[in-house]
Amino acid sequence: MMTRMRVPNLLQRLAREKRGAAAVEFALLLPSLLALSFGMFEVYFRFVAEDQFNRYVNQTGDLIARSEQMFTADIKTHLDVAARIMVEVETHNLVELHVASIGFKKDKTPVVLWKRSSTVDVLDVDPSEAAGIGLALETVMRIEAHYTYTSPFQYLMQQNPILKKKVVYYKPRVTRAIAIDGNVAETNTNWED
């Protein structure tokens, strides 16, 4: 009769030890699983932010290229569109927009005709970057945008914000040169000579 009592007690102890071992294994694996999960979410959020930022820059460039003329206030309007295109990420004070018109002289040398920025500091533009894009006496619009990506897990993972930058060029579709505030050229006014 004694052996019958010992076997169930022994089985109960073994069952308890297995649950305890499983709890210890789970406690050891939990930090790794959480890190893997947060890492996967971070990759997803970065991909979404990059995709939406690229779409914003390209759509903004396309809209600007369809204009006959622009005004300085239009830069802020195009900047405000970022919040409507980049809906899944934070954009408030994180996006900058810089627009420049580049003309090509008769010898196809590119020169900056005008430039505007959504920030106080107007970005310096190197017109030689546009060499070979346009023909003589044509213009192209240079759209540059900056986006400061901040991870939703920034405080948990202690990451620094990442600056994303994209530059696109578009040829005006409606007119040969898009004017800003009524002027086709604010600098290099004799670019067509």
C-alpha atoms as a PDB file:
ATOM      1  CA  MET A   1       0.000   0.000   0.000  1.00  0.00           C
ATOM      2  CA  MET A   2       2.871   2.326   0.544  1.00  0.00           C
ATOM      3  CA  THR A   3       4.152   2.016  -2.994  1.00  0.00           C
ATOM      4  CA  ARG A   4       0.800   3.067  -4.400  1.00  0.00           C
ATOM      5  CA  MET A   5       0.912   6.354  -2.480  1.00  0.00           C
ATOM      6  CA  ARG A   6       4.469   7.156  -3.474  1.00  0.00           C
ATOM      7  CA  VAL A   7       3.967   6.852  -7.237  1.00  0.00           C
ATOM      8  CA  PRO A   8       1.181   9.496  -7.519  1.00  0.00           C
ATOM      9  CA  ASN A   9       3.134  11.876  -5.262  1.00  0.00           C
ATOM     10  CA  LEU A  10       6.225  11.397  -7.365  1.00  0.00           C
ATOM     11  CA  LEU A  11       4.254  12.077 -10.572  1.00  0.00           C
ATOM     12  CA  GLN A  12       2.722  15.201  -9.071  1.00  0.00           C
ATOM     13  CA  ARG A  13       6.160  16.515  -8.105  1.00  0.00           C
ATOM     14  CA  LEU A  14       7.509  15.850 -11.594  1.00  0.00           C
ATOM     15  CA  ALA A  15       4.532  17.662 -13.134  1.00  0.00           C
ATOM     16  CA  ARG A  16       5.161  20.662 -10.893  1.00  0.00           C
ATOM     17  CA  GLU A  17       8.839  20.695 -11.787  1.00  0.00           C
ATOM     18  CA  LYS A  18       8.011  20.753 -15.524  1.00  0.00           C
ATOM     19  CA  ARG A  19       5.745  23.766 -15.050  1.00  0.00           C
ATOM     20  CA  GLY A  20       8.461  25.485 -13.096  1.00  0.00           C
ATOM     21  CA  ALA A  21      11.011  24.719 -15.800  1.00  0.00           C
ATOM     22  CA  ALA A  22       8.640  26.088 -18.443  1.00  0.00           C
ATOM     23  CA  ALA A  23       8.183  29.269 -16.413  1.00  0.00           C
ATOM     24  CA  VAL A  24      11.952  29.689 -16.095  1.00  0.00           C
ATOM     25  CA  GLU A  25      12.432  29.066 -19.825  1.00  0.00           C
ATOM     26  CA  PHE A  26       9.699  31.587 -20.632  1.00  0.00           C
ATOM     27  CA  ALA A  27      11.275  34.168 -18.307  1.00  0.00           C
ATOM     28  CA  LEU A  28      14.642  33.646 -20.017  1.00  0.00           C
ATOM     29  CA  LEU A  29      13.181  33.906 -23.532  1.00  0.00           C
ATOM     30  CA  LEU A  30      10.795  36.824 -22.877  1.00  0.00           C
ATOM     31  CA  PRO A  31      13.387  39.635 -23.258  1.00  0.00           C
ATOM     32  CA  SER A  32      14.598  38.164 -26.545  1.00  0.00           C
ATOM     33  CA  LEU A  33      11.050  37.787 -27.841  1.00  0.00           C
ATOM     34  CA  LEU A  34      10.183  41.360 -26.846  1.00  0.00           C
ATOM     35  CA  ALA A  35      13.337  42.715 -28.498  1.00  0.00           C
ATOM     36  CA  LEU A  36      12.542  40.762 -31.664  1.00  0.00           C
ATOM     37  CA  SER A  37       8.942  42.024 -31.657  1.00  0.00           C
ATOM     38  CA  PHE A  38       9.957  45.670 -31.126  1.00  0.00           C
ATOM     39  CA  GLY A  39      12.607  45.288 -33.822  1.00  0.00           C
ATOM     40  CA  MET A  40      10.033  43.982 -36.308  1.00  0.00           C
ATOM     41  CA  PHE A  41       7.668  46.855 -35.502  1.00  0.00           C
ATOM     42  CA  GLU A  42      10.532  49.342 -35.868  1.00  0.00           C
ATOM     43  CA  VAL A  43      11.426  47.964 -39.315  1.00  0.00           C
ATOM     44  CA  TYR A  44       7.760  48.218 -40.314  1.00  0.00           C
ATOM     45  CA  PHE A  45       7.433  51.823 -39.103  1.00  0.00           C
ATOM     46  CA  ARG A  46      10.655  52.859 -40.855  1.00  0.00           C
ATOM     47  CA  PHE A  47       9.490  51.247 -44.087  1.00  0.00           C
ATOM     48  CA  VAL A  48       6.113  53.003 -43.889  1.00  0.00           C
ATOM     49  CA  ALA A  49       7.742  56.360 -43.101  1.00  0.00           C
ATOM     50  CA  GLU A  50      10.204  56.004 -45.994  1.00  0.00           C
ATOM     51  CA  ASP A  51       7.467  54.959 -48.412  1.00  0.00           C
ATOM     52  CA  GLN A  52       5.126  57.787 -47.462  1.00  0.00           C
ATOM     53  CA  PHE A  53       7.950  60.365 -47.501  1.00  0.00           C
ATOM     54  CA  ASN A  54       9.008  59.281 -51.007  1.00  0.00           C
ATOM     55  CA  ARG A  55       5.409  59.454 -52.194  1.00  0.00           C
ATOM     56  CA  TYR A  56       5.028  62.944 -50.691  1.00  0.00           C
ATOM     57  CA  VAL A  57       8.156  64.275 -52.426  1.00  0.00           C
ATOM     58  CA  ASN A  58       7.185  62.813 -55.800  1.00  0.00           C
ATOM     59  CA  GLN A  59       3.577  63.999 -55.633  1.00  0.00           C
ATOM     60  CA  THR A  60       4.673  67.472 -54.527  1.00  0.00           C
ATOM     61  CA  GLY A  61       7.132  67.660 -57.408  1.00  0.00           C
ATOM     62  CA  ASP A  62       4.420  66.560 -59.826  1.00  0.00           C
ATOM     63  CA  LEU A  63       1.990  69.210 -58.522  1.00  0.00           C
ATOM     64  CA  ILE A  64       4.598  71.947 -58.737  1.00  0.00           C
ATOM     65  CA  ALA A  65       5.530  70.925 -62.291  1.00  0.00           C
ATOM     66  CA  ARG A  66       1.881  71.399 -63.308  1.00  0.00           C
ATOM     67  CA  SER A  67       1.862  75.030 -62.118  1.00  0.00           C
ATOM     68  CA  GLU A  68       2.102  78.024 -64.417  1.00  0.00           C
ATOM     69  CA  GLN A  69       3.353  80.213 -61.621  1.00  0.00           C
ATOM     70  CA  MET A  70       3.905  80.033 -57.885  1.00  0.00           C
ATOM     71  CA  PHE A  71       3.897  82.345 -54.931  1.00  0.00           C
ATOM     72  CA  THR A  72       6.034  82.159 -51.832  1.00  0.00           C
ATOM     73  CA  ALA A  73       2.945  81.201 -49.781  1.00  0.00           C
ATOM     74  CA  ASP A  74       2.479  78.131 -52.015  1.00  0.00           C
ATOM     75  CA  ILE A  75       5.559  76.528 -50.438  1.00  0.00           C
ATOM     76  CA  LYS A  76       3.769  76.361 -47.084  1.00  0.00           C
ATOM     77  CA  THR A  77       0.676  74.960 -48.800  1.00  0.00           C
ATOM     78  CA  HIS A  78       2.748  72.190 -50.395  1.00  0.00           C
ATOM     79  CA  LEU A  79       4.400  71.562 -47.016  1.00  0.00           C
ATOM     80  CA  ASP A  80       0.999  71.227 -45.332  1.00  0.00           C
ATOM     81  CA  VAL A  81       0.120  68.472 -47.809  1.00  0.00           C
ATOM     82  CA  ALA A  82       2.718  66.282 -46.056  1.00  0.00           C
ATOM     83  CA  ALA A  83       0.315  65.754 -43.150  1.00  0.00           C
ATOM     84  CA  ARG A  84      -2.332  64.472 -45.587  1.00  0.00           C
ATOM     85  CA  ILE A  85      -0.035  62.179 -47.554  1.00  0.00           C
ATOM     86  CA  MET A  86       2.097  60.908 -44.677  1.00  0.00           C
ATOM     87  CA  VAL A  87      -0.895  59.905 -42.567  1.00  0.00           C
ATOM     88  CA  GLU A  88       0.676  57.041 -40.638  1.00  0.00           C
ATOM     89  CA  VAL A  89       3.665  59.004 -39.306  1.00  0.00           C
ATOM     90  CA  GLU A  90       4.147  62.202 -37.355  1.00  0.00           C
ATOM     91  CA  THR A  91       4.982  65.166 -39.620  1.00  0.00           C
ATOM     92  CA  HIS A  92       4.433  68.261 -37.466  1.00  0.00           C
ATOM     93  CA  ASN A  93       7.663  70.306 -37.650  1.00  0.00           C
ATOM     94  CA  LEU A  94       9.484  67.245 -38.984  1.00  0.00           C
ATOM     95  CA  VAL A  95       9.264  67.956 -42.736  1.00  0.00           C
ATOM     96  CA  GLU A  96      11.078  70.701 -44.664  1.00  0.00           C
ATOM     97  CA  LEU A  97      10.479  71.589 -48.299  1.00  0.00           C
ATOM     98  CA  HIS A  98      12.935  73.408 -50.580  1.00  0.00           C
ATOM     99  CA  VAL A  99      12.008  74.352 -54.149  1.00  0.00           C
ATOM    100  CA  ALA A 100      14.291  75.861 -56.794  1.00  0.00           C
ATOM    101  CA  SER A 101      13.948  76.657 -60.473  1.00  0.00           C
ATOM    102  CA  ILE A 102      17.027  75.858 -62.530  1.00  0.00           C
ATOM    103  CA  GLY A 103      17.434  77.251 -66.035  1.00  0.00           C
ATOM    104  CA  PHE A 104      19.809  76.092 -68.755  1.00  0.00           C
ATOM    105  CA  LYS A 105      21.726  78.701 -70.722  1.00  0.00           C
ATOM    106  CA  LYS A 106      22.291  78.393 -74.473  1.00  0.00           C
ATOM    107  CA  ASP A 107      25.434  76.367 -73.760  1.00  0.00           C
ATOM    108  CA  LYS A 108      23.334  74.121 -71.425  1.00  0.00           C
ATOM    109  CA  THR A 109      25.053  75.442 -68.297  1.00  0.00           C
ATOM    110  CA  PRO A 110      22.576  75.177 -65.391  1.00  0.00           C
ATOM    111  CA  VAL A 111      21.932  78.253 -63.220  1.00  0.00           C
ATOM    112  CA  VAL A 112      19.584  78.843 -60.292  1.00  0.00           C
ATOM    113  CA  LEU A 113      16.752  81.190 -61.274  1.00  0.00           C
ATOM    114  CA  TRP A 114      14.961  81.309 -57.918  1.00  0.00           C
ATOM    115  CA  LYS A 115      14.638  79.281 -54.737  1.00  0.00           C
ATOM    116  CA  ARG A 116      12.301  79.130 -51.759  1.00  0.00           C
ATOM    117  CA  SER A 117      12.228  77.128 -48.541  1.00  0.00           C
ATOM    118  CA  SER A 118       9.640  76.282 -45.959  1.00  0.00           C
ATOM    119  CA  THR A 119      12.219  77.156 -43.308  1.00  0.00           C
ATOM    120  CA  VAL A 120      13.825  80.475 -42.426  1.00  0.00           C
ATOM    121  CA  ASP A 121      17.117  79.392 -43.959  1.00  0.00           C
ATOM    122  CA  VAL A 122      16.966  79.083 -47.733  1.00  0.00           C
ATOM    123  CA  LEU A 123      18.905  76.036 -48.824  1.00  0.00           C
ATOM    124  CA  ASP A 124      21.978  76.533 -51.006  1.00  0.00           C
ATOM    125  CA  VAL A 125      21.517  74.792 -54.327  1.00  0.00           C
ATOM    126  CA  ASP A 126      24.374  73.583 -56.497  1.00  0.00           C
ATOM    127  CA  PRO A 127      23.051  73.944 -60.054  1.00  0.00           C
ATOM    128  CA  SER A 128      25.777  71.681 -61.435  1.00  0.00           C
ATOM    129  CA  GLU A 129      23.826  68.723 -59.978  1.00  0.00           C
ATOM    130  CA  ALA A 130      21.262  69.330 -62.732  1.00  0.00           C
ATOM    131  CA  ALA A 131      23.796  69.245 -65.569  1.00  0.00           C
ATOM    132  CA  GLY A 132      22.527  67.154 -68.443  1.00  0.00           C
ATOM    133  CA  ILE A 133      18.900  67.064 -67.271  1.00  0.00           C
ATOM    134  CA  GLY A 134      17.609  69.855 -69.520  1.00  0.00           C
ATOM    135  CA  LEU A 135      18.157  71.282 -72.955  1.00  0.00           C
ATOM    136  CA  ALA A 136      19.260  74.837 -73.809  1.00  0.00           C
ATOM    137  CA  LEU A 137      16.790  77.521 -72.632  1.00  0.00           C
ATOM    138  CA  GLU A 138      14.674  74.988 -70.702  1.00  0.00           C
ATOM    139  CA  THR A 139      14.062  74.881 -66.964  1.00  0.00           C
ATOM    140  CA  VAL A 140      13.607  72.180 -64.373  1.00  0.00           C
ATOM    141  CA  MET A 141      12.153  72.329 -60.910  1.00  0.00           C
ATOM    142  CA  ARG A 142      14.336  70.968 -58.132  1.00  0.00           C
ATOM    143  CA  ILE A 143      12.327  69.727 -55.159  1.00  0.00           C
ATOM    144  CA  GLU A 144      14.232  68.727 -52.038  1.00  0.00           C
ATOM    145  CA  ALA A 145      12.580  67.548 -48.860  1.00  0.00           C
ATOM    146  CA  HIS A 146      13.954  66.581 -45.481  1.00  0.00           C
ATOM    147  CA  TYR A 147      12.130  64.426 -42.969  1.00  0.00           C
ATOM    148  CA  THR A 148      13.265  63.765 -39.424  1.00  0.00           C
ATOM    149  CA  TYR A 149      12.094  60.256 -38.572  1.00  0.00           C
ATOM    150  CA  THR A 150      11.535  59.658 -34.887  1.00  0.00           C
ATOM    151  CA  SER A 151      10.892  56.090 -33.821  1.00  0.00           C
ATOM    152  CA  PRO A 152       7.705  55.382 -31.871  1.00  0.00           C
ATOM    153  CA  PHE A 153       9.968  53.319 -29.607  1.00  0.00           C
ATOM    154  CA  GLN A 154      12.520  56.121 -29.213  1.00  0.00           C
ATOM    155  CA  TYR A 155      12.369  56.202 -25.418  1.00  0.00           C
ATOM    156  CA  LEU A 156      12.416  52.449 -25.103  1.00  0.00           C
ATOM    157  CA  MET A 157      15.232  51.796 -27.566  1.00  0.00           C
ATOM    158  CA  GLN A 158      17.026  55.136 -27.031  1.00  0.00           C
ATOM    159  CA  GLN A 159      17.480  55.868 -30.730  1.00  0.00           C
ATOM    160  CA  ASN A 160      18.421  59.221 -32.187  1.00  0.00           C
ATOM    161  CA  PRO A 161      16.144  60.716 -34.855  1.00  0.00           C
ATOM    162  CA  ILE A 162      17.129  59.860 -38.438  1.00  0.00           C
ATOM    163  CA  LEU A 163      17.239  62.568 -41.129  1.00  0.00           C
ATOM    164  CA  LYS A 164      15.901  61.415 -44.487  1.00  0.00           C
ATOM    165  CA  LYS A 165      16.563  63.529 -47.576  1.00  0.00           C
ATOM    166  CA  LYS A 166      15.222  63.243 -51.115  1.00  0.00           C
ATOM    167  CA  VAL A 167      15.811  65.368 -54.208  1.00  0.00           C
ATOM    168  CA  VAL A 168      13.708  65.099 -57.383  1.00  0.00           C
ATOM    169  CA  TYR A 169      13.692  67.070 -60.618  1.00  0.00           C
ATOM    170  CA  TYR A 170      10.617  67.788 -62.734  1.00  0.00           C
ATOM    171  CA  LYS A 171      10.256  69.663 -66.011  1.00  0.00           C
ATOM    172  CA  PRO A 172       7.426  72.202 -66.045  1.00  0.00           C
ATOM    173  CA  ARG A 173       4.477  70.857 -68.011  1.00  0.00           C
ATOM    174  CA  VAL A 174       2.379  73.932 -68.691  1.00  0.00           C
ATOM    175  CA  THR A 175       5.023  76.582 -69.279  1.00  0.00           C
ATOM    176  CA  ARG A 176       8.690  76.681 -70.143  1.00  0.00           C
ATOM    177  CA  ALA A 177       9.618  78.334 -66.848  1.00  0.00           C
ATOM    178  CA  ILE A 178       7.545  78.559 -63.669  1.00  0.00           C
ATOM    179  CA  ALA A 179       7.563  82.063 -62.219  1.00  0.00           C
ATOM    180  CA  ILE A 180       7.684  82.824 -58.513  1.00  0.00           C
ATOM    181  CA  ASP A 181       5.858  85.933 -57.315  1.00  0.00           C
ATOM    182  CA  GLY A 182       5.668  87.098 -60.946  1.00  0.00           C
ATOM    183  CA  ASN A 183       9.395  86.652 -61.765  1.00  0.00           C
ATOM    184  CA  VAL A 184      10.808  83.823 -63.848  1.00  0.00           C
ATOM    185  CA  ALA A 185      14.316  84.681 -62.657  1.00  0.00           C
ATOM    186  CA  GLU A 186      15.295  86.504 -59.481  1.00  0.00           C
ATOM    187  CA  THR A 187      18.948  85.646 -59.901  1.00  0.00           C
ATOM    188  CA  ASN A 188      20.740  85.111 -63.225  1.00  0.00           C
ATOM    189  CA  THR A 189      18.133  87.281 -64.956  1.00  0.00           C
ATOM    190  CA  ASN A 190      20.070  87.131 -68.234  1.00  0.00           C
ATOM    191  CA  TRP A 191      20.142  83.310 -68.403  1.00  0.00           C
ATOM    192  CA  GLU A 192      18.394  83.306 -71.798  1.00  0.00           C
ATOM    193  CA  ASP A 193      21.008  85.552 -73.465  1.00  0.00           C
END
